[in-house]
């Protein structure tokens, strides 16, 4: 269904879908089991989804695109300091030092 989503002008809204878990194990994971990579048409103001009465409303001023080669989620309040940031080249060492 997601792959077939189009806007009112017939442009596909979804570029790619990545499943991070099989159907059998998805419910046991703490992270989302699906990642949707959107085409640019999905971010246009006044987006109307074809075949529906749905008009998408932006929930923020800016959104981000996440690439598979640079996507990382960490939820460790005991380890992360929101006042600091890491350079991309420091991420590998940081992650390898975490105890899960």
N, C-alpha and C. Protein backbone atom coordinates (compact mmCIF):
# COMPACT_ATOMS: atom_id res chain seq x y z
N UNK A 1 0.82 -1.19 0.00
CA UNK A 1 0.00 0.00 0.00
C UNK A 1 0.87 1.26 0.00
N UNK A 2 1.91 1.28 0.82
CA UNK A 2 2.78 2.46 0.88
C UNK A 2 3.47 2.71 -0.46
N UNK A 3 3.95 1.65 -1.11
CA UNK A 3 4.65 1.80 -2.39
C UNK A 3 3.76 2.41 -3.47
N UNK A 4 2.45 2.24 -3.35
CA UNK A 4 1.52 2.73 -4.36
C UNK A 4 1.00 4.15 -4.08
N UNK A 5 1.37 4.74 -2.94
CA UNK A 5 0.88 6.08 -2.62
C UNK A 5 1.35 7.10 -3.66
N UNK A 6 0.40 7.91 -4.14
CA UNK A 6 0.71 8.98 -5.10
C UNK A 6 0.04 10.26 -4.64
N UNK A 7 0.59 11.38 -5.12
CA UNK A 7 -0.06 12.65 -4.85
C UNK A 7 -1.11 12.90 -5.93
N UNK A 8 -1.81 14.02 -5.83
CA UNK A 8 -2.87 14.34 -6.78
C UNK A 8 -2.41 14.48 -8.21
N UNK A 9 -1.11 14.67 -8.43
CA UNK A 9 -0.55 14.79 -9.78
C UNK A 9 0.01 13.46 -10.29
N UNK A 10 -0.15 12.40 -9.50
CA UNK A 10 0.31 11.08 -9.92
C UNK A 10 1.75 10.75 -9.58
N UNK A 11 2.41 11.60 -8.81
CA UNK A 11 3.80 11.35 -8.44
C UNK A 11 3.85 10.37 -7.27
N UNK A 12 4.74 9.37 -7.38
CA UNK A 12 4.92 8.42 -6.28
C UNK A 12 5.50 9.12 -5.07
N UNK A 13 4.96 8.81 -3.90
CA UNK A 13 5.41 9.45 -2.66
C UNK A 13 6.53 8.68 -1.97
N UNK A 14 6.60 7.37 -2.18
CA UNK A 14 7.57 6.52 -1.50
C UNK A 14 8.66 6.09 -2.47
N UNK A 15 9.93 6.33 -2.09
CA UNK A 15 11.07 5.92 -2.90
C UNK A 15 11.50 4.50 -2.55
N UNK A 16 11.51 4.16 -1.25
CA UNK A 16 11.98 2.85 -0.83
C UNK A 16 11.42 2.54 0.55
N UNK A 17 11.32 1.26 0.85
CA UNK A 17 10.88 0.80 2.17
C UNK A 17 11.89 -0.23 2.65
N UNK A 18 12.35 -0.06 3.89
CA UNK A 18 13.29 -0.99 4.48
C UNK A 18 12.63 -1.64 5.68
N UNK A 19 12.54 -2.96 5.66
CA UNK A 19 12.02 -3.70 6.81
C UNK A 19 13.20 -4.07 7.69
N UNK A 20 13.15 -3.69 8.96
CA UNK A 20 14.26 -3.96 9.86
C UNK A 20 14.09 -5.25 10.64
N UNK A 21 12.96 -5.90 10.46
CA UNK A 21 12.71 -7.17 11.14
C UNK A 21 11.68 -7.96 10.34
N UNK A 22 11.72 -9.27 10.51
CA UNK A 22 10.71 -10.12 9.88
C UNK A 22 9.38 -9.94 10.60
N UNK A 23 8.32 -10.34 9.96
CA UNK A 23 7.00 -10.24 10.61
C UNK A 23 6.98 -10.99 11.93
N UNK A 24 7.69 -12.10 11.97
CA UNK A 24 7.67 -12.95 13.17
C UNK A 24 8.35 -12.28 14.37
N UNK A 25 9.35 -11.44 14.12
CA UNK A 25 10.09 -10.86 15.23
C UNK A 25 9.82 -9.37 15.45
N UNK A 26 9.08 -8.72 14.56
CA UNK A 26 8.87 -7.28 14.64
C UNK A 26 8.27 -6.82 15.96
N UNK A 27 7.32 -7.56 16.49
CA UNK A 27 6.65 -7.13 17.72
C UNK A 27 7.56 -7.16 18.94
N UNK A 28 8.63 -7.93 18.87
CA UNK A 28 9.55 -8.02 20.00
C UNK A 28 10.65 -6.99 19.96
N UNK A 29 10.74 -6.19 18.91
CA UNK A 29 11.82 -5.20 18.78
C UNK A 29 11.42 -3.88 19.41
N UNK A 30 12.42 -3.20 19.97
CA UNK A 30 12.17 -1.89 20.57
C UNK A 30 12.24 -0.77 19.54
N UNK A 31 12.85 -1.00 18.39
CA UNK A 31 12.94 0.00 17.33
C UNK A 31 11.85 -0.22 16.30
N UNK A 32 11.52 0.77 15.52
CA UNK A 32 10.52 0.57 14.47
C UNK A 32 10.93 -0.54 13.53
N UNK A 33 9.96 -1.28 13.02
CA UNK A 33 10.28 -2.39 12.12
C UNK A 33 10.21 -1.99 10.65
N UNK A 34 9.92 -0.73 10.37
CA UNK A 34 9.83 -0.27 8.99
C UNK A 34 10.39 1.15 8.90
N UNK A 35 11.16 1.38 7.85
CA UNK A 35 11.68 2.72 7.57
C UNK A 35 11.23 3.08 6.17
N UNK A 36 10.59 4.23 6.02
CA UNK A 36 10.11 4.68 4.72
C UNK A 36 10.99 5.83 4.25
N UNK A 37 11.53 5.69 3.04
CA UNK A 37 12.27 6.76 2.40
C UNK A 37 11.32 7.43 1.41
N UNK A 38 11.03 8.70 1.66
CA UNK A 38 10.03 9.43 0.89
C UNK A 38 10.67 10.14 -0.30
N UNK A 39 9.93 10.21 -1.40
CA UNK A 39 10.32 11.06 -2.52
C UNK A 39 10.05 12.51 -2.15
N UNK A 40 10.68 13.44 -2.86
CA UNK A 40 10.52 14.86 -2.57
C UNK A 40 9.06 15.31 -2.63
N UNK A 41 8.26 14.70 -3.48
CA UNK A 41 6.85 15.09 -3.63
C UNK A 41 6.09 14.95 -2.31
N UNK A 42 6.53 14.06 -1.44
CA UNK A 42 5.86 13.85 -0.16
C UNK A 42 6.02 15.04 0.79
N UNK A 43 6.97 15.92 0.51
CA UNK A 43 7.24 17.05 1.40
C UNK A 43 6.70 18.37 0.88
N UNK A 44 6.02 18.33 -0.25
CA UNK A 44 5.50 19.57 -0.83
C UNK A 44 4.32 20.10 -0.03
N UNK A 45 4.22 21.41 0.15
CA UNK A 45 3.08 21.99 0.88
C UNK A 45 1.77 21.67 0.18
N UNK A 46 0.73 21.42 0.95
CA UNK A 46 -0.60 21.13 0.40
C UNK A 46 -0.71 19.77 -0.26
N UNK A 47 0.13 18.83 0.16
CA UNK A 47 0.11 17.48 -0.41
C UNK A 47 -1.27 16.86 -0.30
N UNK A 48 -1.82 16.43 -1.42
CA UNK A 48 -3.09 15.70 -1.45
C UNK A 48 -2.79 14.28 -1.89
N UNK A 49 -3.24 13.31 -1.12
CA UNK A 49 -2.99 11.91 -1.45
C UNK A 49 -4.06 11.45 -2.42
N UNK A 50 -3.62 10.98 -3.58
CA UNK A 50 -4.53 10.57 -4.65
C UNK A 50 -5.51 9.50 -4.17
N UNK A 51 -6.76 9.63 -4.62
CA UNK A 51 -7.78 8.64 -4.30
C UNK A 51 -8.36 8.77 -2.91
N UNK A 52 -7.98 9.83 -2.18
CA UNK A 52 -8.50 10.05 -0.83
C UNK A 52 -8.87 11.52 -0.67
N UNK A 53 -9.47 11.83 0.45
CA UNK A 53 -9.73 13.22 0.81
C UNK A 53 -8.66 13.77 1.74
N UNK A 54 -7.55 13.04 1.86
CA UNK A 54 -6.49 13.40 2.81
C UNK A 54 -5.60 14.50 2.23
N UNK A 55 -5.46 15.57 3.02
CA UNK A 55 -4.52 16.64 2.71
C UNK A 55 -3.51 16.64 3.85
N UNK A 56 -2.25 16.37 3.54
CA UNK A 56 -1.22 16.30 4.58
C UNK A 56 -0.92 17.68 5.12
N UNK A 57 -0.82 17.78 6.42
CA UNK A 57 -0.48 19.04 7.09
C UNK A 57 0.90 18.89 7.70
N UNK A 58 1.80 19.84 7.44
CA UNK A 58 3.13 19.74 8.04
C UNK A 58 3.05 19.86 9.57
N UNK A 59 3.87 19.07 10.26
CA UNK A 59 3.90 19.13 11.72
C UNK A 59 5.13 19.87 12.22
N UNK A 60 5.95 20.32 11.32
CA UNK A 60 7.13 21.07 11.68
C UNK A 60 7.61 21.87 10.50
N UNK A 61 8.57 22.72 10.76
CA UNK A 61 9.10 23.57 9.70
C UNK A 61 10.08 22.79 8.83
N UNK A 62 10.80 21.87 9.42
CA UNK A 62 11.85 21.17 8.70
C UNK A 62 11.78 19.69 9.03
N UNK A 63 12.08 18.86 8.06
CA UNK A 63 12.15 17.42 8.30
C UNK A 63 13.49 16.92 7.78
N UNK A 64 13.87 15.74 8.17
CA UNK A 64 15.14 15.19 7.73
C UNK A 64 14.95 13.92 6.93
N UNK A 65 15.89 13.66 6.09
CA UNK A 65 15.94 12.39 5.36
C UNK A 65 17.08 11.60 6.00
N UNK A 66 16.86 10.34 6.24
CA UNK A 66 17.87 9.49 6.86
C UNK A 66 18.36 8.47 5.86
N UNK A 67 19.65 8.45 5.60
CA UNK A 67 20.23 7.49 4.68
C UNK A 67 20.67 6.25 5.45
N UNK A 68 20.62 5.10 4.78
CA UNK A 68 21.03 3.86 5.44
C UNK A 68 22.49 3.90 5.86
N UNK A 69 23.32 4.67 5.16
CA UNK A 69 24.73 4.72 5.51
C UNK A 69 25.04 5.72 6.61
N UNK A 70 24.02 6.35 7.19
CA UNK A 70 24.29 7.31 8.25
C UNK A 70 23.17 7.42 9.26
N UNK A 71 22.50 6.34 9.55
CA UNK A 71 21.34 6.36 10.42
C UNK A 71 21.67 5.66 11.72
N UNK A 72 21.48 6.34 12.84
CA UNK A 72 21.80 5.76 14.14
C UNK A 72 20.81 6.27 15.18
N UNK A 73 20.25 5.36 15.97
CA UNK A 73 19.38 5.72 17.08
C UNK A 73 20.00 5.21 18.36
N UNK A 74 20.15 6.09 19.33
CA UNK A 74 20.66 5.69 20.64
C UNK A 74 19.78 6.33 21.70
N UNK A 75 19.32 5.54 22.64
CA UNK A 75 18.51 6.06 23.72
C UNK A 75 19.17 5.65 25.03
N UNK A 76 20.16 6.40 25.44
CA UNK A 76 20.92 6.10 26.64
C UNK A 76 21.16 7.39 27.39
N UNK A 77 20.23 7.81 28.23
CA UNK A 77 20.37 9.07 28.96
C UNK A 77 21.59 9.06 29.88
N UNK A 78 21.98 7.87 30.33
CA UNK A 78 23.13 7.78 31.22
C UNK A 78 24.45 8.00 30.47
N UNK A 79 24.44 7.90 29.16
CA UNK A 79 25.66 7.99 28.37
C UNK A 79 25.73 9.27 27.55
N UNK A 80 24.60 9.73 27.05
CA UNK A 80 24.58 10.88 26.15
C UNK A 80 24.42 12.18 26.92
N UNK A 81 25.15 13.18 26.49
CA UNK A 81 25.05 14.51 27.07
C UNK A 81 24.49 15.42 25.98
N UNK A 82 23.26 15.94 26.15
CA UNK A 82 22.65 16.75 25.09
C UNK A 82 23.39 18.04 24.78
N UNK A 83 24.32 18.45 25.64
CA UNK A 83 25.08 19.67 25.39
C UNK A 83 26.27 19.42 24.48
N UNK A 84 26.60 18.15 24.23
CA UNK A 84 27.74 17.80 23.38
C UNK A 84 27.24 17.20 22.08
N UNK A 85 28.11 17.17 21.12
CA UNK A 85 27.81 16.49 19.86
C UNK A 85 29.03 15.70 19.44
N UNK A 86 28.81 14.76 18.52
CA UNK A 86 29.90 13.92 18.04
C UNK A 86 30.12 14.18 16.56
N UNK A 87 31.37 14.12 16.16
CA UNK A 87 31.68 14.13 14.74
C UNK A 87 31.36 12.75 14.17
N UNK A 88 31.05 12.69 12.90
CA UNK A 88 30.71 11.41 12.28
C UNK A 88 31.81 10.37 12.48
N UNK A 89 33.07 10.81 12.38
CA UNK A 89 34.17 9.85 12.53
C UNK A 89 34.33 9.35 13.97
N UNK A 90 33.67 9.97 14.94
CA UNK A 90 33.75 9.54 16.34
C UNK A 90 32.64 8.53 16.70
N UNK A 91 31.65 8.38 15.83
CA UNK A 91 30.49 7.53 16.15
C UNK A 91 30.87 6.07 16.38
N UNK A 92 31.74 5.52 15.55
CA UNK A 92 32.11 4.11 15.68
C UNK A 92 32.71 3.80 17.03
N UNK A 93 33.65 4.62 17.46
CA UNK A 93 34.28 4.41 18.76
C UNK A 93 33.27 4.57 19.89
N UNK A 94 32.40 5.58 19.78
CA UNK A 94 31.39 5.82 20.81
C UNK A 94 30.47 4.60 20.95
N UNK A 95 29.97 4.10 19.84
CA UNK A 95 29.03 2.96 19.87
C UNK A 95 29.73 1.71 20.41
N UNK A 96 30.99 1.49 20.02
CA UNK A 96 31.69 0.28 20.49
C UNK A 96 31.95 0.31 21.99
N UNK A 97 31.92 1.48 22.62
CA UNK A 97 32.16 1.59 24.05
C UNK A 97 30.88 1.41 24.88
N UNK A 98 29.72 1.41 24.22
CA UNK A 98 28.46 1.25 24.94
C UNK A 98 28.30 -0.20 25.41
N UNK A 99 27.76 -0.36 26.60
CA UNK A 99 27.40 -1.69 27.07
C UNK A 99 25.89 -1.81 26.97
N UNK A 100 25.43 -2.77 26.22
CA UNK A 100 23.99 -2.90 25.99
C UNK A 100 23.34 -3.84 26.96
